Every structure is written in structure tokens, then in C-alpha cells.
N, C-alpha and C. Protein backbone atom coordinates (compact mmCIF):
# COMPACT_ATOMS: atom_id res chain seq x y z
N UNK A 1 -0.57 19.18 17.43
CA UNK A 1 -0.79 18.52 18.70
C UNK A 1 -1.89 17.47 18.53
N UNK A 2 -1.61 16.27 18.98
CA UNK A 2 -2.57 15.19 18.82
C UNK A 2 -3.50 15.14 20.02
N UNK A 3 -4.76 14.86 19.77
CA UNK A 3 -5.75 14.76 20.84
C UNK A 3 -6.55 13.49 20.65
N UNK A 4 -7.01 12.96 21.74
CA UNK A 4 -7.97 11.87 21.66
C UNK A 4 -9.30 12.48 21.27
N UNK A 5 -10.05 11.80 20.41
CA UNK A 5 -11.36 12.30 20.03
C UNK A 5 -12.29 12.41 21.24
N UNK A 6 -11.98 11.70 22.28
CA UNK A 6 -12.78 11.75 23.49
C UNK A 6 -12.83 13.17 24.06
N UNK A 7 -11.81 13.98 23.81
CA UNK A 7 -11.82 15.34 24.36
C UNK A 7 -12.81 16.23 23.64
N UNK A 8 -13.26 15.85 22.47
CA UNK A 8 -14.16 16.68 21.68
C UNK A 8 -15.61 16.21 21.72
N UNK A 9 -15.86 15.00 22.12
CA UNK A 9 -17.19 14.43 22.06
C UNK A 9 -17.54 13.86 23.43
N UNK A 10 -18.69 14.23 23.96
CA UNK A 10 -19.08 13.74 25.28
C UNK A 10 -19.54 12.28 25.18
N UNK A 11 -19.52 11.62 26.30
CA UNK A 11 -19.93 10.22 26.35
C UNK A 11 -21.39 10.06 25.93
N UNK A 12 -22.27 10.96 26.35
CA UNK A 12 -23.68 10.87 25.95
C UNK A 12 -23.85 10.99 24.44
N UNK A 13 -23.06 11.89 23.83
CA UNK A 13 -23.12 12.02 22.37
C UNK A 13 -22.67 10.73 21.71
N UNK A 14 -21.62 10.11 22.26
CA UNK A 14 -21.14 8.85 21.70
C UNK A 14 -22.22 7.77 21.78
N UNK A 15 -22.89 7.68 22.91
CA UNK A 15 -23.93 6.67 23.05
C UNK A 15 -25.06 6.90 22.06
N UNK A 16 -25.43 8.16 21.84
CA UNK A 16 -26.48 8.48 20.88
C UNK A 16 -26.04 8.08 19.47
N UNK A 17 -24.81 8.47 19.09
CA UNK A 17 -24.31 8.15 17.75
C UNK A 17 -24.20 6.63 17.59
N UNK A 18 -23.72 5.95 18.63
CA UNK A 18 -23.54 4.51 18.58
C UNK A 18 -24.86 3.80 18.32
N UNK A 19 -25.91 4.28 18.96
CA UNK A 19 -27.17 3.54 18.87
C UNK A 19 -27.98 3.88 17.63
N UNK A 20 -27.65 4.97 16.93
CA UNK A 20 -28.53 5.36 15.84
C UNK A 20 -27.87 5.44 14.47
N UNK A 21 -26.58 5.72 14.37
CA UNK A 21 -26.02 6.02 13.07
C UNK A 21 -25.04 5.01 12.49
N UNK A 22 -24.07 4.59 13.24
CA UNK A 22 -22.93 3.89 12.66
C UNK A 22 -22.99 2.38 12.83
N UNK A 23 -22.36 1.70 11.89
CA UNK A 23 -22.17 0.27 11.97
C UNK A 23 -20.97 -0.09 11.09
N UNK A 24 -20.43 -1.30 11.26
CA UNK A 24 -19.34 -1.76 10.40
C UNK A 24 -19.84 -2.90 9.54
N UNK A 25 -19.21 -3.01 8.38
CA UNK A 25 -19.55 -4.07 7.44
C UNK A 25 -18.28 -4.42 6.68
N UNK A 26 -18.18 -5.67 6.27
CA UNK A 26 -17.07 -6.08 5.41
C UNK A 26 -17.54 -6.08 3.97
N UNK A 27 -16.83 -5.34 3.14
CA UNK A 27 -17.13 -5.26 1.71
C UNK A 27 -15.87 -5.66 0.97
N UNK A 28 -15.95 -6.75 0.20
CA UNK A 28 -14.78 -7.26 -0.52
C UNK A 28 -13.61 -7.49 0.42
N UNK A 29 -13.89 -8.01 1.62
CA UNK A 29 -12.85 -8.29 2.60
C UNK A 29 -12.34 -7.09 3.35
N UNK A 30 -12.87 -5.91 3.07
CA UNK A 30 -12.41 -4.67 3.70
C UNK A 30 -13.44 -4.19 4.72
N UNK A 31 -12.99 -3.94 5.95
CA UNK A 31 -13.91 -3.43 6.97
C UNK A 31 -14.19 -1.95 6.70
N UNK A 32 -15.46 -1.58 6.80
CA UNK A 32 -15.90 -0.21 6.49
C UNK A 32 -16.85 0.27 7.59
N UNK A 33 -16.65 1.51 8.03
CA UNK A 33 -17.61 2.18 8.91
C UNK A 33 -18.62 2.85 8.00
N UNK A 34 -19.90 2.67 8.31
CA UNK A 34 -20.95 3.34 7.53
C UNK A 34 -21.89 4.09 8.45
N UNK A 35 -22.38 5.20 7.93
CA UNK A 35 -23.42 5.96 8.60
C UNK A 35 -24.66 5.84 7.74
N UNK A 36 -25.69 5.20 8.26
CA UNK A 36 -26.86 4.93 7.42
C UNK A 36 -27.67 6.18 7.11
N UNK A 37 -27.48 7.27 7.85
CA UNK A 37 -28.25 8.50 7.57
C UNK A 37 -27.62 9.33 6.45
N UNK A 38 -26.30 9.48 6.48
CA UNK A 38 -25.63 10.36 5.50
C UNK A 38 -24.91 9.59 4.40
N UNK A 39 -24.81 8.27 4.54
CA UNK A 39 -24.10 7.41 3.60
C UNK A 39 -22.59 7.60 3.63
N UNK A 40 -22.05 8.28 4.66
CA UNK A 40 -20.61 8.37 4.84
C UNK A 40 -20.04 6.96 4.97
N UNK A 41 -18.92 6.71 4.31
CA UNK A 41 -18.23 5.44 4.39
C UNK A 41 -16.75 5.69 4.63
N UNK A 42 -16.17 4.93 5.56
CA UNK A 42 -14.75 5.07 5.88
C UNK A 42 -14.13 3.68 5.94
N UNK A 43 -13.14 3.43 5.07
CA UNK A 43 -12.42 2.15 5.10
C UNK A 43 -11.45 2.14 6.27
N UNK A 44 -11.24 0.94 6.81
CA UNK A 44 -10.33 0.75 7.94
C UNK A 44 -9.22 -0.20 7.50
N UNK A 45 -7.99 0.22 7.70
CA UNK A 45 -6.83 -0.61 7.34
C UNK A 45 -6.00 -0.87 8.59
N UNK A 46 -5.65 -2.12 8.85
CA UNK A 46 -4.72 -2.47 9.92
C UNK A 46 -3.32 -2.33 9.32
N UNK A 47 -2.58 -1.32 9.74
CA UNK A 47 -1.31 -1.01 9.08
C UNK A 47 -0.24 -2.07 9.26
N UNK A 48 -0.32 -2.87 10.32
CA UNK A 48 0.66 -3.94 10.52
C UNK A 48 0.38 -5.13 9.60
N UNK A 49 -0.85 -5.23 9.09
CA UNK A 49 -1.26 -6.41 8.32
C UNK A 49 -1.52 -6.14 6.85
N UNK A 50 -1.79 -4.88 6.49
CA UNK A 50 -2.21 -4.56 5.13
C UNK A 50 -1.28 -3.53 4.51
N UNK A 51 -1.13 -3.64 3.20
CA UNK A 51 -0.40 -2.62 2.45
C UNK A 51 -1.38 -1.47 2.20
N UNK A 52 -1.02 -0.28 2.64
CA UNK A 52 -1.92 0.86 2.48
C UNK A 52 -1.17 2.03 1.88
N UNK A 53 -1.71 2.54 0.79
CA UNK A 53 -1.21 3.76 0.16
C UNK A 53 -2.37 4.75 0.16
N UNK A 54 -2.19 5.93 0.77
CA UNK A 54 -3.29 6.90 0.84
C UNK A 54 -3.71 7.41 -0.54
N UNK A 55 -5.00 7.65 -0.68
CA UNK A 55 -5.57 8.21 -1.90
C UNK A 55 -5.68 9.72 -1.69
N UNK A 56 -5.02 10.50 -2.51
CA UNK A 56 -5.02 11.97 -2.35
C UNK A 56 -6.39 12.60 -2.55
N UNK A 57 -7.34 11.88 -3.14
CA UNK A 57 -8.69 12.41 -3.36
C UNK A 57 -9.62 12.15 -2.18
N UNK A 58 -9.14 11.48 -1.17
CA UNK A 58 -9.95 11.12 0.00
C UNK A 58 -9.34 11.70 1.27
N UNK A 59 -10.12 11.70 2.33
CA UNK A 59 -9.63 12.12 3.64
C UNK A 59 -9.01 10.90 4.30
N UNK A 60 -7.76 11.03 4.73
CA UNK A 60 -7.05 9.93 5.38
C UNK A 60 -6.61 10.38 6.76
N UNK A 61 -6.96 9.58 7.75
CA UNK A 61 -6.52 9.82 9.13
C UNK A 61 -5.95 8.52 9.67
N UNK A 62 -5.20 8.60 10.75
CA UNK A 62 -4.55 7.43 11.33
C UNK A 62 -4.89 7.33 12.80
N UNK A 63 -4.99 6.09 13.28
CA UNK A 63 -5.25 5.84 14.69
C UNK A 63 -4.09 5.07 15.28
N UNK A 64 -3.60 5.55 16.41
CA UNK A 64 -2.51 4.87 17.11
C UNK A 64 -3.04 4.44 18.46
N UNK A 65 -3.20 3.13 18.61
CA UNK A 65 -3.75 2.56 19.84
C UNK A 65 -2.69 1.85 20.63
N UNK A 66 -3.10 1.19 21.71
CA UNK A 66 -2.17 0.48 22.58
C UNK A 66 -1.43 -0.63 21.85
N UNK A 67 -2.15 -1.35 21.02
CA UNK A 67 -1.52 -2.48 20.33
C UNK A 67 -1.88 -2.52 18.85
N UNK A 68 -2.21 -1.37 18.28
CA UNK A 68 -2.55 -1.36 16.86
C UNK A 68 -2.36 0.02 16.25
N UNK A 69 -2.11 0.01 14.96
CA UNK A 69 -2.04 1.23 14.17
C UNK A 69 -3.02 1.04 13.01
N UNK A 70 -3.92 2.00 12.85
CA UNK A 70 -4.95 1.90 11.82
C UNK A 70 -4.88 3.10 10.89
N UNK A 71 -5.35 2.90 9.67
CA UNK A 71 -5.58 4.00 8.75
C UNK A 71 -7.07 4.03 8.48
N UNK A 72 -7.60 5.24 8.38
CA UNK A 72 -9.02 5.45 8.07
C UNK A 72 -9.07 6.30 6.81
N UNK A 73 -9.78 5.82 5.80
CA UNK A 73 -9.87 6.57 4.55
C UNK A 73 -11.31 6.61 4.06
N UNK A 74 -11.79 7.80 3.76
CA UNK A 74 -13.16 7.95 3.27
C UNK A 74 -13.29 7.30 1.89
N UNK A 75 -14.53 7.01 1.53
CA UNK A 75 -14.84 6.43 0.22
C UNK A 75 -15.73 7.42 -0.53
N UNK A 76 -15.24 7.93 -1.64
CA UNK A 76 -16.02 8.83 -2.50
C UNK A 76 -16.64 9.99 -1.72
N UNK A 77 -15.86 10.63 -0.90
CA UNK A 77 -16.41 11.74 -0.11
C UNK A 77 -16.67 12.94 -1.02
N UNK A 78 -17.80 13.55 -0.84
CA UNK A 78 -18.17 14.71 -1.66
C UNK A 78 -18.16 15.98 -0.83
N UNK A 79 -18.92 15.99 0.23
CA UNK A 79 -18.96 17.15 1.12
C UNK A 79 -18.27 16.77 2.42
N UNK A 80 -17.19 17.47 2.73
CA UNK A 80 -16.42 17.15 3.92
C UNK A 80 -17.10 17.72 5.15
N UNK A 81 -17.53 16.85 6.03
CA UNK A 81 -18.14 17.23 7.29
C UNK A 81 -17.23 16.70 8.39
N UNK A 82 -16.33 17.56 8.88
CA UNK A 82 -15.34 17.14 9.86
C UNK A 82 -15.98 16.56 11.11
N UNK A 83 -17.08 17.16 11.55
CA UNK A 83 -17.74 16.68 12.76
C UNK A 83 -18.26 15.26 12.58
N UNK A 84 -18.86 14.97 11.43
CA UNK A 84 -19.38 13.63 11.18
C UNK A 84 -18.26 12.60 11.13
N UNK A 85 -17.15 12.93 10.48
CA UNK A 85 -16.00 12.02 10.43
C UNK A 85 -15.48 11.79 11.85
N UNK A 86 -15.39 12.85 12.66
CA UNK A 86 -14.94 12.71 14.04
C UNK A 86 -15.87 11.81 14.84
N UNK A 87 -17.19 11.99 14.68
CA UNK A 87 -18.15 11.12 15.36
C UNK A 87 -17.97 9.66 14.93
N UNK A 88 -17.79 9.44 13.65
CA UNK A 88 -17.62 8.06 13.15
C UNK A 88 -16.38 7.41 13.74
N UNK A 89 -15.28 8.14 13.77
CA UNK A 89 -14.04 7.57 14.32
C UNK A 89 -14.14 7.39 15.83
N UNK A 90 -14.76 8.33 16.53
CA UNK A 90 -14.95 8.18 17.98
C UNK A 90 -15.81 6.96 18.27
N UNK A 91 -16.87 6.78 17.49
CA UNK A 91 -17.72 5.60 17.67
C UNK A 91 -16.90 4.34 17.45
N UNK A 92 -16.09 4.31 16.39
CA UNK A 92 -15.33 3.10 16.06
C UNK A 92 -14.30 2.77 17.14
N UNK A 93 -13.53 3.74 17.62
CA UNK A 93 -12.53 3.43 18.64
C UNK A 93 -13.20 2.95 19.93
N UNK A 94 -14.39 3.46 20.22
CA UNK A 94 -15.15 2.96 21.36
C UNK A 94 -15.63 1.53 21.09
N UNK A 95 -16.10 1.30 19.89
CA UNK A 95 -16.61 -0.02 19.47
C UNK A 95 -15.54 -1.10 19.59
N UNK A 96 -14.29 -0.77 19.24
CA UNK A 96 -13.21 -1.77 19.30
C UNK A 96 -12.49 -1.76 20.65
N UNK A 97 -12.92 -0.91 21.57
CA UNK A 97 -12.34 -0.90 22.91
C UNK A 97 -10.98 -0.22 23.00
N UNK A 98 -10.66 0.63 22.06
CA UNK A 98 -9.39 1.38 22.08
C UNK A 98 -9.67 2.82 22.51
N UNK A 99 -10.16 3.00 23.70
CA UNK A 99 -10.66 4.29 24.18
C UNK A 99 -9.60 5.39 24.19
N UNK A 100 -8.34 5.04 24.29
CA UNK A 100 -7.28 6.05 24.33
C UNK A 100 -6.56 6.21 22.99
N UNK A 101 -7.14 5.67 21.94
CA UNK A 101 -6.51 5.78 20.62
C UNK A 101 -6.38 7.24 20.22
N UNK A 102 -5.21 7.58 19.73
CA UNK A 102 -4.95 8.93 19.24
C UNK A 102 -5.22 8.97 17.74
N UNK A 103 -5.94 9.99 17.29
CA UNK A 103 -6.24 10.16 15.87
C UNK A 103 -5.37 11.31 15.36
N UNK A 104 -4.70 11.08 14.25
CA UNK A 104 -3.78 12.07 13.70
C UNK A 104 -3.83 12.04 12.17
N UNK A 105 -3.35 13.10 11.58
CA UNK A 105 -3.24 13.13 10.11
C UNK A 105 -1.86 12.65 9.66
N UNK A 106 -0.95 12.44 10.60
CA UNK A 106 0.41 11.99 10.27
C UNK A 106 0.47 10.46 10.23
N UNK A 107 1.04 9.95 9.16
CA UNK A 107 1.20 8.51 8.99
C UNK A 107 2.20 8.00 10.03
N UNK A 108 1.81 7.05 10.89
CA UNK A 108 2.69 6.58 11.95
C UNK A 108 3.76 5.59 11.49
N UNK A 109 3.71 5.17 10.23
CA UNK A 109 4.72 4.22 9.75
C UNK A 109 6.01 4.98 9.46
N UNK A 110 7.11 4.49 9.97
CA UNK A 110 8.40 5.18 9.90
C UNK A 110 8.81 5.57 8.48
N UNK A 111 8.80 4.68 7.48
CA UNK A 111 9.25 5.09 6.14
C UNK A 111 8.44 6.26 5.58
N UNK A 112 7.15 6.33 5.87
CA UNK A 112 6.31 7.40 5.36
C UNK A 112 6.62 8.71 6.10
N UNK A 113 6.95 8.62 7.37
CA UNK A 113 7.28 9.82 8.13
C UNK A 113 8.60 10.40 7.65
N UNK A 114 9.56 9.55 7.30
CA UNK A 114 10.85 10.03 6.82
C UNK A 114 10.73 10.70 5.46
N UNK A 115 9.83 10.21 4.59
CA UNK A 115 9.65 10.81 3.27
C UNK A 115 9.16 12.24 3.37
N UNK A 116 8.27 12.51 4.32
CA UNK A 116 7.68 13.83 4.45
C UNK A 116 8.66 14.86 4.98
N UNK A 117 9.63 14.43 5.77
CA UNK A 117 10.56 15.36 6.42
C UNK A 117 11.47 16.07 5.44
């Protein structure tokens, strides 16, 4: 069952995380979410515009918004902290104004969904 990250994180928590931890940066033309306290890094891929193949050694999640489909993939993750990843993605969807974006582990691109079935 897919849920909006908004159901798990209160608005006050989002404002706190937004103002203290996360920011985006372009590295080699790739947009990345970074957390300056823990050094968590998550690459962002626009699935309609970029060729994306998931890396099995990283955490990959997908965002389905009103007018966009995104892939989120960690960079060199060592210790998996699900709550921190959720905060980072909640901050990002708020940052880009896609408040109702659904986050899922299922690839929303049709050819990839058919392969898994």
C-alpha cells in the first residue's frame, strides 16, 4: 500500500528538517539531496528525461507526482536509516511543491513493471 510521506511526518518536523539539515546541489549535472549533518546523499532522476537503471547496492525509491515521475537513489549508503531517508524525501517533495507525491519502491515505468511480474 502506497502512502504519502506526509502521513508519517508532521508539518512542524518538516519545517525543522527543512531549515537545518537538507539542501540540493548539482554534482556533474546530477541533482542530489544532501544532509549536512549525516552526509546522506540521494540522487534525483527525472524518469521522463533521463535513462535510469537502479543500482542493486543502493536504496532506490520512486516518486509519482501530479506531473512528474522521479527516482531517488542513495549514494554509497553504509548504514540504512529509514527515518532519515523518509525525512529527506519528505523535505524534497515539499521543496519542489509536489505535496501529494506518492513514494513507492515499485518502478512506475511500464516496461520495468512488466519485467517484475
